[in-house]
PDB file of N, CA and C in Angstrom:
ATOM      1  N   MET A   1      -1.217   9.551  -7.622  1.00  0.00           N
ATOM      2  CA  MET A   1      -0.674   8.546  -8.401  1.00  0.00           C
ATOM      3  C   MET A   1      -1.777   7.404  -8.639  1.00  0.00           C
ATOM      4  N   GLU A   2      -1.412   6.743  -9.875  1.00  0.00           N
ATOM      5  CA  GLU A   2      -2.328   5.632 -10.185  1.00  0.00           C
ATOM      6  C   GLU A   2      -2.097   4.392  -9.310  1.00  0.00           C
ATOM      7  N   ASN A   3      -3.188   3.743  -9.128  1.00  0.00           N
ATOM      8  CA  ASN A   3      -2.972   2.425  -8.339  1.00  0.00           C
ATOM      9  C   ASN A   3      -2.011   1.480  -9.226  1.00  0.00           C
ATOM     10  N   LEU A   4      -1.254   0.654  -8.419  1.00  0.00           N
ATOM     11  CA  LEU A   4      -0.358  -0.314  -9.100  1.00  0.00           C
ATOM     12  C   LEU A   4      -0.625  -1.648  -8.554  1.00  0.00           C
ATOM     13  N   GLN A   5      -1.004  -2.624  -9.605  1.00  0.00           N
ATOM     14  CA  GLN A   5      -1.218  -3.950  -9.120  1.00  0.00           C
ATOM     15  C   GLN A   5       0.106  -4.846  -9.272  1.00  0.00           C
ATOM     16  N   ILE A   6       0.421  -5.455  -8.166  1.00  0.00           N
ATOM     17  CA  ILE A   6       1.690  -6.378  -8.362  1.00  0.00           C
ATOM     18  C   ILE A   6       1.176  -7.679  -7.673  1.00  0.00           C
ATOM     19  N   GLY A   7       1.032  -8.683  -8.612  1.00  0.00           N
ATOM     20  CA  GLY A   7       0.511 -10.018  -8.037  1.00  0.00           C
ATOM     21  C   GLY A   7      -0.909  -9.680  -7.628  1.00  0.00           C
ATOM     22  N   LYS A   8      -1.139 -10.225  -6.465  1.00  0.00           N
ATOM     23  CA  LYS A   8      -2.500  -9.923  -5.971  1.00  0.00           C
ATOM     24  C   LYS A   8      -2.633  -8.806  -4.964  1.00  0.00           C
ATOM     25  N   TRP A   9      -1.526  -7.899  -4.988  1.00  0.00           N
ATOM     26  CA  TRP A   9      -1.461  -6.855  -4.086  1.00  0.00           C
ATOM     27  C   TRP A   9      -1.716  -5.581  -4.924  1.00  0.00           C
ATOM     28  N   LEU A  10      -2.446  -4.656  -4.268  1.00  0.00           N
ATOM     29  CA  LEU A  10      -2.759  -3.433  -4.953  1.00  0.00           C
ATOM     30  C   LEU A  10      -2.211  -2.300  -4.137  1.00  0.00           C
ATOM     31  N   ILE A  11      -1.310  -1.490  -4.784  1.00  0.00           N
ATOM     32  CA  ILE A  11      -0.849  -0.272  -4.101  1.00  0.00           C
ATOM     33  C   ILE A  11      -1.709   0.881  -4.509  1.00  0.00           C
ATOM     34  N   THR A  12      -2.446   1.444  -3.461  1.00  0.00           N
ATOM     35  CA  THR A  12      -3.318   2.534  -3.624  1.00  0.00           C
ATOM     36  C   THR A  12      -2.707   3.777  -3.043  1.00  0.00           C
ATOM     37  N   ASN A  13      -3.434   4.888  -3.185  1.00  0.00           N
ATOM     38  CA  ASN A  13      -2.916   6.082  -2.553  1.00  0.00           C
ATOM     39  C   ASN A  13      -2.787   6.123  -1.110  1.00  0.00           C
ATOM     40  N   ASP A  14      -3.367   5.089  -0.402  1.00  0.00           N
ATOM     41  CA  ASP A  14      -3.361   4.869   0.991  1.00  0.00           C
ATOM     42  C   ASP A  14      -2.521   3.778   1.572  1.00  0.00           C
ATOM     43  N   GLY A  15      -2.021   2.879   0.791  1.00  0.00           N
ATOM     44  CA  GLY A  15      -1.298   1.847   1.194  1.00  0.00           C
ATOM     45  C   GLY A  15      -1.277   0.612   0.257  1.00  0.00           C
ATOM     46  N   ILE A  16      -1.195  -0.579   0.798  1.00  0.00           N
ATOM     47  CA  ILE A  16      -1.156  -1.882   0.089  1.00  0.00           C
ATOM     48  C   ILE A  16      -2.345  -2.703   0.498  1.00  0.00           C
ATOM     49  N   GLU A  17      -2.950  -3.275  -0.500  1.00  0.00           N
ATOM     50  CA  GLU A  17      -4.214  -3.991  -0.241  1.00  0.00           C
ATOM     51  C   GLU A  17      -4.117  -5.448  -0.857  1.00  0.00           C
ATOM     52  N   TRP A  18      -4.565  -6.438  -0.132  1.00  0.00           N
ATOM     53  CA  TRP A  18      -4.688  -7.798  -0.630  1.00  0.00           C
ATOM     54  C   TRP A  18      -5.904  -7.881  -1.476  1.00  0.00           C
ATOM     55  N   THR A  19      -5.831  -8.200  -2.871  1.00  0.00           N
ATOM     56  CA  THR A  19      -6.933  -8.383  -3.641  1.00  0.00           C
ATOM     57  C   THR A  19      -7.346  -9.731  -4.056  1.00  0.00           C
ATOM     58  N   GLY A  20      -6.587 -10.648  -3.512  1.00  0.00           N
ATOM     59  CA  GLY A  20      -6.847 -12.150  -3.993  1.00  0.00           C
ATOM     60  C   GLY A  20      -7.860 -12.802  -3.144  1.00  0.00           C
ATOM     61  N   VAL A  21      -7.885 -14.096  -3.434  1.00  0.00           N
ATOM     62  CA  VAL A  21      -8.794 -15.030  -2.629  1.00  0.00           C
ATOM     63  C   VAL A  21      -7.954 -15.896  -1.717  1.00  0.00           C
ATOM     64  N   PRO A  22      -8.305 -15.972  -0.493  1.00  0.00           N
ATOM     65  CA  PRO A  22      -9.619 -15.588   0.060  1.00  0.00           C
ATOM     66  C   PRO A  22      -9.561 -14.073   0.286  1.00  0.00           C
ATOM     67  N   PHE A  23     -10.661 -13.480   0.421  1.00  0.00           N
ATOM     68  CA  PHE A  23     -10.789 -11.978   0.737  1.00  0.00           C
ATOM     69  C   PHE A  23     -10.589 -12.020   2.311  1.00  0.00           C
ATOM     70  N   THR A  24      -9.522 -11.346   2.651  1.00  0.00           N
ATOM     71  CA  THR A  24      -9.290 -11.283   4.039  1.00  0.00           C
ATOM     72  C   THR A  24      -9.311  -9.909   4.601  1.00  0.00           C
ATOM     73  N   GLY A  25      -9.365  -8.844   3.732  1.00  0.00           N
ATOM     74  CA  GLY A  25      -9.418  -7.459   4.221  1.00  0.00           C
ATOM     75  C   GLY A  25      -8.040  -6.947   4.516  1.00  0.00           C
ATOM     76  N   TYR A  26      -7.045  -7.709   4.344  1.00  0.00           N
ATOM     77  CA  TYR A  26      -5.685  -7.242   4.714  1.00  0.00           C
ATOM     78  C   TYR A  26      -5.320  -6.008   3.947  1.00  0.00           C
ATOM     79  N   TYR A  27      -4.896  -4.997   4.737  1.00  0.00           N
ATOM     80  CA  TYR A  27      -4.497  -3.708   4.303  1.00  0.00           C
ATOM     81  C   TYR A  27      -3.400  -3.190   5.032  1.00  0.00           C
ATOM     82  N   ILE A  28      -2.405  -2.705   4.419  1.00  0.00           N
ATOM     83  CA  ILE A  28      -1.234  -2.104   5.122  1.00  0.00           C
ATOM     84  C   ILE A  28      -1.243  -0.663   4.844  1.00  0.00           C
ATOM     85  N   ASN A  29      -1.625   0.247   5.928  1.00  0.00           N
ATOM     86  CA  ASN A  29      -1.680   1.664   5.695  1.00  0.00           C
ATOM     87  C   ASN A  29      -0.266   2.176   5.460  1.00  0.00           C
ATOM     88  N   LYS A  30      -0.207   3.205   4.571  1.00  0.00           N
ATOM     89  CA  LYS A  30       1.034   3.707   4.249  1.00  0.00           C
ATOM     90  C   LYS A  30       1.820   4.279   5.319  1.00  0.00           C
ATOM     91  N   GLU A  31       1.100   4.652   6.424  1.00  0.00           N
ATOM     92  CA  GLU A  31       1.767   5.190   7.716  1.00  0.00           C
ATOM     93  C   GLU A  31       2.495   3.986   8.463  1.00  0.00           C
ATOM     94  N   LEU A  32       2.102   2.820   8.225  1.00  0.00           N
ATOM     95  CA  LEU A  32       2.625   1.627   9.033  1.00  0.00           C
ATOM     96  C   LEU A  32       3.626   0.878   8.235  1.00  0.00           C
ATOM     97  N   LEU A  33       4.053   1.295   7.127  1.00  0.00           N
ATOM     98  CA  LEU A  33       4.880   0.464   6.204  1.00  0.00           C
ATOM     99  C   LEU A  33       6.260   0.195   6.931  1.00  0.00           C
ATOM    100  N   LEU A  34       6.771   1.126   7.755  1.00  0.00           N
ATOM    101  CA  LEU A  34       8.078   0.806   8.409  1.00  0.00           C
ATOM    102  C   LEU A  34       7.826   0.440   9.733  1.00  0.00           C
ATOM    103  N   LYS A  35       6.774  -0.145  10.199  1.00  0.00           N
ATOM    104  CA  LYS A  35       6.563  -0.752  11.513  1.00  0.00           C
ATOM    105  C   LYS A  35       7.658  -1.882  11.764  1.00  0.00           C
ATOM    106  N   LYS A  36       8.333  -1.869  12.701  1.00  0.00           N
ATOM    107  CA  LYS A  36       9.349  -2.879  12.945  1.00  0.00           C
ATOM    108  C   LYS A  36       8.792  -4.075  13.736  1.00  0.00           C
ATOM    109  N   SER A  37       9.256  -5.194  13.520  1.00  0.00           N
ATOM    110  CA  SER A  37       8.937  -6.513  14.227  1.00  0.00           C
ATOM    111  C   SER A  37       9.358  -6.406  15.636  1.00  0.00           C
ATOM    112  N   HIS A  38       8.535  -6.914  16.511  1.00  0.00           N
ATOM    113  CA  HIS A  38       8.983  -6.870  17.918  1.00  0.00           C
ATOM    114  C   HIS A  38       9.960  -8.020  18.153  1.00  0.00           C
ATOM    115  N   ASP A  39       9.878  -9.006  17.399  1.00  0.00           N
ATOM    116  CA  ASP A  39      10.713 -10.303  17.569  1.00  0.00           C
ATOM    117  C   ASP A  39      12.087 -10.165  16.906  1.00  0.00           C
ATOM    118  N   HIS A  40      12.150  -9.442  15.742  1.00  0.00           N
ATOM    119  CA  HIS A  40      13.261  -9.535  14.845  1.00  0.00           C
ATOM    120  C   HIS A  40      13.682  -7.970  14.694  1.00  0.00           C
ATOM    121  N   LYS A  41      14.788  -7.544  15.263  1.00  0.00           N
ATOM    122  CA  LYS A  41      15.159  -6.271  15.309  1.00  0.00           C
ATOM    123  C   LYS A  41      15.425  -5.845  13.905  1.00  0.00           C
ATOM    124  N   ASP A  42      14.972  -4.760  13.480  1.00  0.00           N
ATOM    125  CA  ASP A  42      15.161  -4.006  12.157  1.00  0.00           C
ATOM    126  C   ASP A  42      14.458  -4.675  11.009  1.00  0.00           C
ATOM    127  N   ALA A  43      13.595  -5.646  11.318  1.00  0.00           N
ATOM    128  CA  ALA A  43      12.745  -6.263  10.271  1.00  0.00           C
ATOM    129  C   ALA A  43      11.457  -5.770  10.193  1.00  0.00           C
ATOM    130  N   SER A  44      10.799  -5.893   9.070  1.00  0.00           N
ATOM    131  CA  SER A  44       9.402  -5.328   8.775  1.00  0.00           C
ATOM    132  C   SER A  44       8.447  -6.297   9.466  1.00  0.00           C
ATOM    133  N   ASP A  45       7.571  -5.770  10.300  1.00  0.00           N
ATOM    134  CA  ASP A  45       6.578  -6.408  10.965  1.00  0.00           C
ATOM    135  C   ASP A  45       5.482  -7.055  10.057  1.00  0.00           C
ATOM    136  N   TRP A  46       5.249  -6.228   9.075  1.00  0.00           N
ATOM    137  CA  TRP A  46       4.118  -6.752   8.112  1.00  0.00           C
ATOM    138  C   TRP A  46       4.595  -7.947   7.185  1.00  0.00           C
ATOM    139  N   LEU A  47       5.975  -7.738   6.761  1.00  0.00           N
ATOM    140  CA  LEU A  47       6.310  -8.800   5.736  1.00  0.00           C
ATOM    141  C   LEU A  47       6.548 -10.083   6.593  1.00  0.00           C
ATOM    142  N   LEU A  48       6.964 -10.030   7.837  1.00  0.00           N
ATOM    143  CA  LEU A  48       7.226 -11.230   8.526  1.00  0.00           C
ATOM    144  C   LEU A  48       5.720 -11.791   9.024  1.00  0.00           C
ATOM    145  N   HIS A  49       4.889 -10.962   9.454  1.00  0.00           N
ATOM    146  CA  HIS A  49       3.530 -11.409   9.986  1.00  0.00           C
ATOM    147  C   HIS A  49       2.811 -12.119   8.885  1.00  0.00           C
ATOM    148  N   LEU A  50       2.866 -11.591   7.683  1.00  0.00           N
ATOM    149  CA  LEU A  50       2.119 -12.103   6.539  1.00  0.00           C
ATOM    150  C   LEU A  50       2.722 -13.461   6.022  1.00  0.00           C
ATOM    151  N   ALA A  51       3.971 -13.641   6.163  1.00  0.00           N
ATOM    152  CA  ALA A  51       4.612 -14.810   5.682  1.00  0.00           C
ATOM    153  C   ALA A  51       4.193 -15.969   6.560  1.00  0.00           C
ATOM    154  N   TYR A  52       3.589 -15.912   7.714  1.00  0.00           N
ATOM    155  CA  TYR A  52       3.058 -16.932   8.556  1.00  0.00           C
ATOM    156  C   TYR A  52       1.677 -17.430   8.015  1.00  0.00           C
ATOM    157  N   LYS A  53       1.037 -16.576   7.316  1.00  0.00           N
ATOM    158  CA  LYS A  53      -0.382 -16.907   6.764  1.00  0.00           C
ATOM    159  C   LYS A  53      -0.273 -18.055   5.698  1.00  0.00           C
ATOM    160  N   ASN A  54      -1.169 -19.186   6.031  1.00  0.00           N
ATOM    161  CA  ASN A  54      -1.194 -20.317   5.091  1.00  0.00           C
ATOM    162  C   ASN A  54      -1.994 -20.007   3.834  1.00  0.00           C
ATOM    163  N   TRP A  55      -2.803 -19.015   3.808  1.00  0.00           N
ATOM    164  CA  TRP A  55      -3.599 -18.617   2.640  1.00  0.00           C
ATOM    165  C   TRP A  55      -2.730 -17.811   1.642  1.00  0.00           C
ATOM    166  N   LEU A  56      -1.546 -17.464   1.956  1.00  0.00           N
ATOM    167  CA  LEU A  56      -0.649 -16.893   1.005  1.00  0.00           C
ATOM    168  C   LEU A  56       0.357 -17.870   0.533  1.00  0.00           C
ATOM    169  N   THR A  57       0.572 -17.927  -0.777  1.00  0.00           N
ATOM    170  CA  THR A  57       1.509 -18.741  -1.443  1.00  0.00           C
ATOM    171  C   THR A  57       2.990 -18.090  -1.305  1.00  0.00           C
ATOM    172  N   GLU A  58       3.946 -18.750  -1.584  1.00  0.00           N
ATOM    173  CA  GLU A  58       5.335 -18.239  -1.726  1.00  0.00           C
ATOM    174  C   GLU A  58       5.282 -17.214  -2.695  1.00  0.00           C
ATOM    175  N   GLN A  59       4.678 -17.342  -3.833  1.00  0.00           N
ATOM    176  CA  GLN A  59       4.579 -16.346  -4.919  1.00  0.00           C
ATOM    177  C   GLN A  59       3.864 -15.165  -4.364  1.00  0.00           C
ATOM    178  N   ASP A  60       2.817 -15.249  -3.581  1.00  0.00           N
ATOM    179  CA  ASP A  60       2.066 -14.073  -3.139  1.00  0.00           C
ATOM    180  C   ASP A  60       2.995 -13.352  -2.062  1.00  0.00           C
ATOM    181  N   ILE A  61       3.869 -13.995  -1.414  1.00  0.00           N
ATOM    182  CA  ILE A  61       4.839 -13.360  -0.409  1.00  0.00           C
ATOM    183  C   ILE A  61       5.789 -12.557  -1.095  1.00  0.00           C
ATOM    184  N   TYR A  62       6.364 -13.131  -2.343  1.00  0.00           N
ATOM    185  CA  TYR A  62       7.311 -12.482  -3.070  1.00  0.00           C
ATOM    186  C   TYR A  62       6.758 -11.211  -3.773  1.00  0.00           C
ATOM    187  N   ALA A  63       5.546 -11.430  -4.342  1.00  0.00           N
ATOM    188  CA  ALA A  63       4.794 -10.262  -4.825  1.00  0.00           C
ATOM    189  C   ALA A  63       4.543  -9.203  -3.821  1.00  0.00           C
ATOM    190  N   LEU A  64       4.297  -9.534  -2.533  1.00  0.00           N
ATOM    191  CA  LEU A  64       4.262  -8.608  -1.438  1.00  0.00           C
ATOM    192  C   LEU A  64       5.454  -7.902  -1.211  1.00  0.00           C
ATOM    193  N   ASN A  65       6.564  -8.599  -1.299  1.00  0.00           N
ATOM    194  CA  ASN A  65       7.889  -7.966  -1.151  1.00  0.00           C
ATOM    195  C   ASN A  65       8.125  -6.946  -2.222  1.00  0.00           C
ATOM    196  N   THR A  66       7.688  -7.182  -3.321  1.00  0.00           N
ATOM    197  CA  THR A  66       7.880  -6.228  -4.512  1.00  0.00           C
ATOM    198  C   THR A  66       6.964  -4.990  -4.262  1.00  0.00           C
ATOM    199  N   ALA A  67       5.779  -5.348  -3.971  1.00  0.00           N
ATOM    200  CA  ALA A  67       4.788  -4.196  -3.695  1.00  0.00           C
ATOM    201  C   ALA A  67       5.205  -3.425  -2.515  1.00  0.00           C
ATOM    202  N   PHE A  68       5.806  -3.966  -1.493  1.00  0.00           N
ATOM    203  CA  PHE A  68       6.190  -3.279  -0.276  1.00  0.00           C
ATOM    204  C   PHE A  68       7.294  -2.349  -0.668  1.00  0.00           C
ATOM    205  N   MET A  69       8.401  -2.783  -1.471  1.00  0.00           N
ATOM    206  CA  MET A  69       9.409  -1.912  -1.885  1.00  0.00           C
ATOM    207  C   MET A  69       8.955  -0.742  -2.732  1.00  0.00           C
ATOM    208  N   ALA A  70       7.962  -1.145  -3.622  1.00  0.00           N
ATOM    209  CA  ALA A  70       7.449   0.092  -4.430  1.00  0.00           C
ATOM    210  C   ALA A  70       6.696   1.079  -3.597  1.00  0.00           C
ATOM    211  N   ALA A  71       5.941   0.517  -2.558  1.00  0.00           N
ATOM    212  CA  ALA A  71       5.118   1.408  -1.789  1.00  0.00           C
ATOM    213  C   ALA A  71       6.061   2.246  -0.868  1.00  0.00           C
ATOM    214  N   ILE A  72       7.154   1.671  -0.370  1.00  0.00           N
ATOM    215  CA  ILE A  72       8.150   2.447   0.436  1.00  0.00           C
ATOM    216  C   ILE A  72       8.645   3.606  -0.431  1.00  0.00           C
ATOM    217  N   GLU A  73       9.116   3.268  -1.689  1.00  0.00           N
ATOM    218  CA  GLU A  73       9.560   4.226  -2.604  1.00  0.00           C
ATOM    219  C   GLU A  73       8.535   5.484  -2.880  1.00  0.00           C
ATOM    220  N   ARG A  74       7.384   5.025  -2.908  1.00  0.00           N
ATOM    221  CA  ARG A  74       6.277   5.959  -3.226  1.00  0.00           C
ATOM    222  C   ARG A  74       5.868   6.921  -2.060  1.00  0.00           C
ATOM    223  N   PHE A  75       5.842   6.249  -0.845  1.00  0.00           N
ATOM    224  CA  PHE A  75       5.265   6.923   0.296  1.00  0.00           C
ATOM    225  C   PHE A  75       6.242   7.539   1.447  1.00  0.00           C
ATOM    226  N   VAL A  76       7.355   6.846   1.395  1.00  0.00           N
ATOM    227  CA  VAL A  76       8.376   7.152   2.554  1.00  0.00           C
ATOM    228  C   VAL A  76       9.497   7.861   2.095  1.00  0.00           C
ATOM    229  N   PRO A  77       9.636   9.092   2.826  1.00  0.00           N
ATOM    230  CA  PRO A  77      10.758   9.986   2.459  1.00  0.00           C
ATOM    231  C   PRO A  77      12.110   9.170   2.500  1.00  0.00           C
ATOM    232  N   ALA A  78      13.110   9.522   1.649  1.00  0.00           N
ATOM    233  CA  ALA A  78      14.285   8.802   1.674  1.00  0.00           C
ATOM    234  C   ALA A  78      15.055   8.664   3.025  1.00  0.00           C
ATOM    235  N   TYR A  79      14.983   9.787   3.759  1.00  0.00           N
ATOM    236  CA  TYR A  79      15.673   9.654   5.013  1.00  0.00           C
ATOM    237  C   TYR A  79      15.227   8.738   5.993  1.00  0.00           C
ATOM    238  N   LYS A  80      13.992   8.294   5.861  1.00  0.00           N
ATOM    239  CA  LYS A  80      13.328   7.380   6.734  1.00  0.00           C
ATOM    240  C   LYS A  80      13.436   5.930   6.276  1.00  0.00           C
ATOM    241  N   GLN A  81      13.773   5.678   5.000  1.00  0.00           N
ATOM    242  CA  GLN A  81      13.732   4.371   4.488  1.00  0.00           C
ATOM    243  C   GLN A  81      14.633   3.373   5.062  1.00  0.00           C
ATOM    244  N   ALA A  82      15.687   3.896   5.648  1.00  0.00           N
ATOM    245  CA  ALA A  82      16.584   2.914   6.229  1.00  0.00           C
ATOM    246  C   ALA A  82      16.230   2.318   7.602  1.00  0.00           C
ATOM    247  N   LYS A  83      15.093   2.824   8.196  1.00  0.00           N
ATOM    248  CA  LYS A  83      14.468   2.468   9.465  1.00  0.00           C
ATOM    249  C   LYS A  83      14.360   0.933   9.454  1.00  0.00           C
ATOM    250  N   VAL A  84      14.018   0.263   8.466  1.00  0.00           N
ATOM    251  CA  VAL A  84      13.678  -1.204   8.327  1.00  0.00           C
ATOM    252  C   VAL A  84      14.699  -1.783   7.469  1.00  0.00           C
ATOM    253  N   SER A  85      15.419  -2.862   7.754  1.00  0.00           N
ATOM    254  CA  SER A  85      16.344  -3.531   6.855  1.00  0.00           C
ATOM    255  C   SER A  85      15.621  -4.535   6.041  1.00  0.00           C
ATOM    256  N   LEU A  86      15.551  -4.371   4.688  1.00  0.00           N
ATOM    257  CA  LEU A  86      14.851  -5.322   3.854  1.00  0.00           C
ATOM    258  C   LEU A  86      15.679  -6.611   3.864  1.00  0.00           C
ATOM    259  N   ALA A  87      17.024  -6.553   3.882  1.00  0.00           N
ATOM    260  CA  ALA A  87      17.850  -7.816   3.871  1.00  0.00           C
ATOM    261  C   ALA A  87      17.596  -8.567   5.171  1.00  0.00           C
ATOM    262  N   LYS A  88      17.466  -8.012   6.254  1.00  0.00           N
ATOM    263  CA  LYS A  88      17.233  -8.708   7.510  1.00  0.00           C
ATOM    264  C   LYS A  88      15.856  -9.329   7.454  1.00  0.00           C
ATOM    265  N   THR A  89      14.893  -8.516   6.899  1.00  0.00           N
ATOM    266  CA  THR A  89      13.585  -9.058   6.775  1.00  0.00           C
ATOM    267  C   THR A  89      13.434 -10.182   5.956  1.00  0.00           C
ATOM    268  N   LEU A  90      14.033 -10.171   4.734  1.00  0.00           N
ATOM    269  CA  LEU A  90      13.898 -11.267   3.749  1.00  0.00           C
ATOM    270  C   LEU A  90      14.552 -12.577   4.317  1.00  0.00           C
ATOM    271  N   ASP A  91      15.655 -12.365   5.067  1.00  0.00           N
ATOM    272  CA  ASP A  91      16.250 -13.446   5.700  1.00  0.00           C
ATOM    273  C   ASP A  91      15.405 -14.142   6.689  1.00  0.00           C
ATOM    274  N   GLU A  92      14.729 -13.377   7.498  1.00  0.00           N
ATOM    275  CA  GLU A  92      13.799 -13.965   8.601  1.00  0.00           C
ATOM    276  C   GLU A  92      12.485 -14.605   7.866  1.00  0.00           C
ATOM    277  N   GLN A  93      12.105 -13.847   6.779  1.00  0.00           N
ATOM    278  CA  GLN A  93      10.998 -14.390   5.990  1.00  0.00           C
ATOM    279  C   GLN A  93      11.234 -15.726   5.322  1.00  0.00           C
ATOM    280  N   GLN A  94      12.515 -15.893   4.759  1.00  0.00           N
ATOM    281  CA  GLN A  94      12.852 -17.139   4.201  1.00  0.00           C
ATOM    282  C   GLN A  94      12.719 -18.367   5.281  1.00  0.00           C
ATOM    283  N   LYS A  95      13.189 -18.102   6.433  1.00  0.00           N
ATOM    284  CA  LYS A  95      13.066 -19.022   7.532  1.00  0.00           C
ATOM    285  C   LYS A  95      11.674 -19.433   7.875  1.00  0.00           C
ATOM    286  N   ILE A  96      10.791 -18.446   7.860  1.00  0.00           N
ATOM    287  CA  ILE A  96       9.324 -18.667   8.155  1.00  0.00           C
ATOM    288  C   ILE A  96       8.802 -19.596   6.895  1.00  0.00           C
ATOM    289  N   ILE A  97       9.081 -19.215   5.648  1.00  0.00           N
ATOM    290  CA  ILE A  97       8.560 -19.957   4.508  1.00  0.00           C
ATOM    291  C   ILE A  97       9.092 -21.353   4.591  1.00  0.00           C
ATOM    292  N   HIS A  98      10.315 -21.518   4.824  1.00  0.00           N
ATOM    293  CA  HIS A  98      10.940 -22.908   4.904  1.00  0.00           C
ATOM    294  C   HIS A  98      10.238 -23.625   5.908  1.00  0.00           C
ATOM    295  N   TYR A  99      10.044 -23.141   7.135  1.00  0.00           N
ATOM    296  CA  TYR A  99       9.361 -23.776   8.245  1.00  0.00           C
ATOM    297  C   TYR A  99       7.828 -24.087   7.852  1.00  0.00           C
ATOM    298  N   LYS A 100       7.144 -23.267   7.316  1.00  0.00           N
ATOM    299  CA  LYS A 100       5.782 -23.335   6.888  1.00  0.00           C
ATOM    300  C   LYS A 100       5.662 -24.499   5.897  1.00  0.00           C
ATOM    301  N   ASN A 101       6.583 -24.551   4.853  1.00  0.00           N
ATOM    302  CA  ASN A 101       6.596 -25.458   3.735  1.00  0.00           C
ATOM    303  C   ASN A 101       6.818 -26.939   4.272  1.00  0.00           C
ATOM    304  N   ALA A 102       7.590 -27.026   5.459  1.00  0.00           N
ATOM    305  CA  ALA A 102       7.886 -28.292   5.827  1.00  0.00           C
ATOM    306  C   ALA A 102       6.864 -28.933   6.729  1.00  0.00           C
ATOM    307  N   LEU A 103       5.720 -28.105   7.085  1.00  0.00           N
ATOM    308  CA  LEU A 103       4.679 -28.664   7.944  1.00  0.00           C
ATOM    309  C   LEU A 103       3.902 -29.807   7.122  1.00  0.00           C
ATOM    310  N   PRO A 104       3.452 -30.735   7.904  1.00  0.00           N
ATOM    311  CA  PRO A 104       2.813 -31.800   7.144  1.00  0.00           C
ATOM    312  C   PRO A 104       1.384 -31.452   6.856  1.00  0.00           C
ATOM    313  N   ASN A 105       0.759 -30.510   7.689  1.00  0.00           N
ATOM    314  CA  ASN A 105      -0.647 -30.136   7.525  1.00  0.00           C
ATOM    315  C   ASN A 105      -0.679 -28.627   7.611  1.00  0.00           C
ATOM    316  N   LYS A 106      -1.082 -28.050   6.490  1.00  0.00           N
ATOM    317  CA  LYS A 106      -1.170 -26.587   6.444  1.00  0.00           C
ATOM    318  C   LYS A 106      -2.497 -25.980   6.814  1.00  0.00           C
ATOM    319  N   GLY A 107      -3.277 -26.772   7.564  1.00  0.00           N
ATOM    320  CA  GLY A 107      -4.599 -26.343   8.039  1.00  0.00           C
ATOM    321  C   GLY A 107      -4.585 -25.410   9.206  1.00  0.00           C
ATOM    322  N   MET A 108      -5.716 -25.125   9.770  1.00  0.00           N
ATOM    323  CA  MET A 108      -5.914 -24.137  10.879  1.00  0.00           C
ATOM    324  C   MET A 108      -5.201 -24.374  11.979  1.00  0.00           C
ATOM    325  N   VAL A 109      -4.965 -25.738  12.433  1.00  0.00           N
ATOM    326  CA  VAL A 109      -4.167 -26.098  13.588  1.00  0.00           C
ATOM    327  C   VAL A 109      -2.805 -25.467  13.423  1.00  0.00           C
ATOM    328  N   TRP A 110      -2.108 -25.660  12.323  1.00  0.00           N
ATOM    329  CA  TRP A 110      -0.853 -25.228  12.102  1.00  0.00           C
ATOM    330  C   TRP A 110      -0.835 -23.729  12.082  1.00  0.00           C
ATOM    331  N   GLN A 111      -1.921 -23.046  11.521  1.00  0.00           N
ATOM    332  CA  GLN A 111      -1.843 -21.627  11.414  1.00  0.00           C
ATOM    333  C   GLN A 111      -1.985 -21.066  12.815  1.00  0.00           C
ATOM    334  N   LYS A 112      -2.724 -21.711  13.776  1.00  0.00           N
ATOM    335  CA  LYS A 112      -2.705 -21.247  15.238  1.00  0.00           C
ATOM    336  C   LYS A 112      -1.414 -21.371  15.838  1.00  0.00           C
ATOM    337  N   LEU A 113      -0.691 -22.505  15.458  1.00  0.00           N
ATOM    338  CA  LEU A 113       0.625 -22.704  16.083  1.00  0.00           C
ATOM    339  C   LEU A 113       1.646 -21.727  15.541  1.00  0.00           C
ATOM    340  N   LEU A 114       1.611 -21.383  14.229  1.00  0.00           N
ATOM    341  CA  LEU A 114       2.435 -20.485  13.675  1.00  0.00           C
ATOM    342  C   LEU A 114       2.187 -19.033  14.258  1.00  0.00           C
ATOM    343  N   ASP A 115       0.937 -18.603  14.403  1.00  0.00           N
ATOM    344  CA  ASP A 115       0.404 -17.325  14.887  1.00  0.00           C
ATOM    345  C   ASP A 115       0.938 -17.337  16.402  1.00  0.00           C
ATOM    346  N   SER A 116       0.792 -18.342  17.125  1.00  0.00           N
ATOM    347  CA  SER A 116       1.259 -18.382  18.456  1.00  0.00           C
ATOM    348  C   SER A 116       2.785 -18.167  18.608  1.00  0.00           C
ATOM    349  N   LEU A 117       3.523 -18.875  17.775  1.00  0.00           N
ATOM    350  CA  LEU A 117       4.944 -18.688  17.682  1.00  0.00           C
ATOM    351  C   LEU A 117       5.393 -17.301  17.447  1.00  0.00           C
ATOM    352  N   ALA A 118       4.693 -16.659  16.537  1.00  0.00           N
ATOM    353  CA  ALA A 118       4.879 -15.254  16.031  1.00  0.00           C
ATOM    354  C   ALA A 118       4.243 -14.166  17.093  1.00  0.00           C
ATOM    355  N   GLY A 119       3.695 -14.666  18.121  1.00  0.00           N
ATOM    356  CA  GLY A 119       2.963 -13.806  19.174  1.00  0.00           C
ATOM    357  C   GLY A 119       1.967 -12.999  18.577  1.00  0.00           C
ATOM    358  N   ARG A 120       1.121 -13.593  17.776  1.00  0.00           N
ATOM    359  CA  ARG A 120       0.015 -12.919  17.051  1.00  0.00           C
ATOM    360  C   ARG A 120      -1.302 -13.599  17.497  1.00  0.00           C
ATOM    361  N   GLU A 121      -2.224 -12.810  17.475  1.00  0.00           N
ATOM    362  CA  GLU A 121      -3.665 -13.272  17.572  1.00  0.00           C
ATOM    363  C   GLU A 121      -4.248 -13.574  16.120  1.00  0.00           C
ATOM    364  N   LEU A 122      -5.186 -14.513  16.163  1.00  0.00           N
ATOM    365  CA  LEU A 122      -5.856 -14.696  14.757  1.00  0.00           C
ATOM    366  C   LEU A 122      -6.664 -13.599  14.329  1.00  0.00           C
TER     367      LEU A 122
END
């Protein structure tokens, strides 16, 4: 299949790649699309994890959601698609975006705090 660009996300034959600035090397392998979050049952780990990143705008996150749905349809057999609840993921993601937007400083200190709350390393 041809590559598909959605916002700053590129769906390739191998997964989803961030093509925007800053260049971060973020890439979601198609085999990991349905990886569940440890903290939020039935939610997508990738969509929640990336929602914490300050370098992603709200529009970038929404474009990722669209790219994610297109990639799932492209790569994941229908019988496995229900493994992750997009509705639950989007609900949790909105909470993260709301919290992130309410922060007075969106610098690295806040990113470390958000990553720590998410149980992630930088």
